[in-house]
C-alpha atoms as a PDB file:
ATOM      1  CA  MET A   1       8.666  16.810 -24.388  1.00  0.00           C
ATOM      2  CA  ASP A   2      11.100  16.106 -27.194  1.00  0.00           C
ATOM      3  CA  GLY A   3      10.350  16.095 -30.894  1.00  0.00           C
ATOM      4  CA  GLY A   4       7.409  18.503 -30.913  1.00  0.00           C
ATOM      5  CA  VAL A   5       7.313  21.905 -32.532  1.00  0.00           C
ATOM      6  CA  ALA A   6       5.091  24.737 -31.320  1.00  0.00           C
ATOM      7  CA  VAL A   7       3.254  26.415 -34.189  1.00  0.00           C
ATOM      8  CA  LYS A   8       1.322  29.639 -33.666  1.00  0.00           C
ATOM      9  CA  LYS A   9      -1.956  29.805 -35.578  1.00  0.00           C
ATOM     10  CA  TYR A  10      -5.521  31.057 -35.517  1.00  0.00           C
ATOM     11  CA  SER A  11      -8.180  28.374 -35.275  1.00  0.00           C
ATOM     12  CA  PRO A  12     -11.934  28.598 -35.753  1.00  0.00           C
ATOM     13  CA  ASP A  13     -12.208  25.321 -33.775  1.00  0.00           C
ATOM     14  CA  PRO A  14      -9.413  25.209 -31.162  1.00  0.00           C
ATOM     15  CA  TYR A  15     -10.832  22.125 -29.397  1.00  0.00           C
ATOM     16  CA  ARG A  16     -10.667  20.084 -32.614  1.00  0.00           C
ATOM     17  CA  ASP A  17      -7.188  21.338 -33.470  1.00  0.00           C
ATOM     18  CA  PHE A  18      -5.776  20.679 -29.991  1.00  0.00           C
ATOM     19  CA  ARG A  19      -7.353  17.235 -29.892  1.00  0.00           C
ATOM     20  CA  PHE A  20      -5.990  16.343 -33.327  1.00  0.00           C
ATOM     21  CA  SER A  21      -2.531  17.601 -32.387  1.00  0.00           C
ATOM     22  CA  MET A  22      -2.484  15.683 -29.090  1.00  0.00           C
ATOM     23  CA  GLN A  23      -3.782  12.564 -30.813  1.00  0.00           C
ATOM     24  CA  GLU A  24      -0.902  12.764 -33.307  1.00  0.00           C
ATOM     25  CA  MET A  25       1.618  13.023 -30.468  1.00  0.00           C
ATOM     26  CA  ILE A  26       0.055  10.044 -28.682  1.00  0.00           C
ATOM     27  CA  GLU A  27      -0.083   7.925 -31.844  1.00  0.00           C
ATOM     28  CA  ALA A  28       3.555   8.737 -32.623  1.00  0.00           C
ATOM     29  CA  ARG A  29       4.394   7.329 -29.199  1.00  0.00           C
ATOM     30  CA  ASN A  30       2.331   4.139 -29.867  1.00  0.00           C
ATOM     31  CA  LEU A  31       0.703   4.679 -26.498  1.00  0.00           C
ATOM     32  CA  THR A  32      -1.728   1.944 -25.491  1.00  0.00           C
ATOM     33  CA  ASP A  33      -1.665   1.846 -21.683  1.00  0.00           C
ATOM     34  CA  VAL A  34      -2.779   5.024 -19.920  1.00  0.00           C
ATOM     35  CA  ASN A  35      -1.494   3.862 -16.534  1.00  0.00           C
ATOM     36  CA  LYS A  36       1.917   2.831 -17.851  1.00  0.00           C
ATOM     37  CA  ASP A  37       2.311   6.004 -19.922  1.00  0.00           C
ATOM     38  CA  TRP A  38       0.731   8.458 -17.483  1.00  0.00           C
ATOM     39  CA  ASP A  39       3.980  10.419 -17.026  1.00  0.00           C
ATOM     40  CA  PHE A  40       4.125  11.054 -20.782  1.00  0.00           C
ATOM     41  CA  LEU A  41       0.453  12.074 -20.890  1.00  0.00           C
ATOM     42  CA  HIS A  42       0.883  14.416 -17.924  1.00  0.00           C
ATOM     43  CA  GLU A  43       3.942  15.998 -19.531  1.00  0.00           C
ATOM     44  CA  LEU A  44       2.019  16.386 -22.799  1.00  0.00           C
ATOM     45  CA  LEU A  45      -0.794  18.239 -21.024  1.00  0.00           C
ATOM     46  CA  ILE A  46       1.638  20.496 -19.154  1.00  0.00           C
ATOM     47  CA  CYS A  47       3.454  21.339 -22.402  1.00  0.00           C
ATOM     48  CA  TYR A  48       0.224  22.345 -24.142  1.00  0.00           C
ATOM     49  CA  LEU A  49      -0.830  24.471 -21.181  1.00  0.00           C
ATOM     50  CA  THR A  50       2.599  26.099 -20.935  1.00  0.00           C
ATOM     51  CA  LEU A  51       2.943  26.847 -24.648  1.00  0.00           C
ATOM     52  CA  ASN A  52      -0.539  28.269 -25.172  1.00  0.00           C
ATOM     53  CA  PRO A  53      -2.361  31.339 -23.838  1.00  0.00           C
ATOM     54  CA  LYS A  54      -4.655  30.983 -20.857  1.00  0.00           C
ATOM     55  CA  ASN A  55      -7.799  31.633 -22.920  1.00  0.00           C
ATOM     56  CA  THR A  56      -7.152  28.343 -24.775  1.00  0.00           C
ATOM     57  CA  HIS A  57      -6.697  26.195 -21.658  1.00  0.00           C
ATOM     58  CA  LYS A  58     -10.378  25.173 -21.544  1.00  0.00           C
ATOM     59  CA  PHE A  59     -10.035  23.684 -25.038  1.00  0.00           C
ATOM     60  CA  ILE A  60      -6.781  21.940 -24.154  1.00  0.00           C
ATOM     61  CA  VAL A  61      -8.152  20.385 -20.960  1.00  0.00           C
ATOM     62  CA  SER A  62     -11.366  19.295 -22.716  1.00  0.00           C
ATOM     63  CA  ALA A  63      -9.467  17.712 -25.594  1.00  0.00           C
ATOM     64  CA  PHE A  64      -7.059  15.984 -23.212  1.00  0.00           C
ATOM     65  CA  ALA A  65      -9.881  14.629 -21.038  1.00  0.00           C
ATOM     66  CA  ASP A  66     -11.745  13.276 -24.071  1.00  0.00           C
ATOM     67  CA  ILE A  67      -8.611  11.549 -25.339  1.00  0.00           C
ATOM     68  CA  ILE A  68      -8.022   9.946 -21.927  1.00  0.00           C
ATOM     69  CA  VAL A  69     -11.623   8.679 -21.838  1.00  0.00           C
ATOM     70  CA  CYS A  70     -11.201   7.200 -25.322  1.00  0.00           C
ATOM     71  CA  LEU A  71      -7.909   5.563 -24.370  1.00  0.00           C
ATOM     72  CA  LEU A  72      -9.381   4.111 -21.187  1.00  0.00           C
ATOM     73  CA  SER A  73     -12.476   2.788 -22.953  1.00  0.00           C
ATOM     74  CA  SER A  74     -10.385   1.118 -25.655  1.00  0.00           C
ATOM     75  CA  SER A  75      -7.707  -0.322 -23.359  1.00  0.00           C
ATOM     76  CA  PRO A  76      -7.520  -4.124 -23.019  1.00  0.00           C
ATOM     77  CA  GLU A  77      -8.191  -3.789 -19.282  1.00  0.00           C
ATOM     78  CA  SER A  78     -11.582  -2.201 -19.983  1.00  0.00           C
ATOM     79  CA  ASP A  79     -12.716  -5.460 -21.618  1.00  0.00           C
ATOM     80  CA  THR A  80     -12.144  -7.657 -18.574  1.00  0.00           C
ATOM     81  CA  PRO A  81     -15.233  -9.060 -16.805  1.00  0.00           C
ATOM     82  CA  GLU A  82     -14.239  -7.326 -13.554  1.00  0.00           C
ATOM     83  CA  ASN A  83     -14.731  -3.942 -15.216  1.00  0.00           C
ATOM     84  CA  HIS A  84     -18.261  -4.813 -16.348  1.00  0.00           C
ATOM     85  CA  ARG A  85     -19.702  -5.506 -12.891  1.00  0.00           C
ATOM     86  CA  ARG A  86     -22.603  -3.401 -11.672  1.00  0.00           C
END
């Protein structure tokens, strides 16, 4: 992952901080297609897990999963009639 800087800090709300940080990285990449950019997203997750202590991993994984759900629900493919079948 190029261009990012690891910053050590205390957080009263690590989930919110990790999510905000990941969202910034994703927006800087202008990512719109989860499938096309999956390698980047996977690398982003691995970097966060590698750079942070194990006790924060639950916050990182939760934030990452929520971002993926948001990206998938806002993707153009999610608006096609095929995806609205029951």
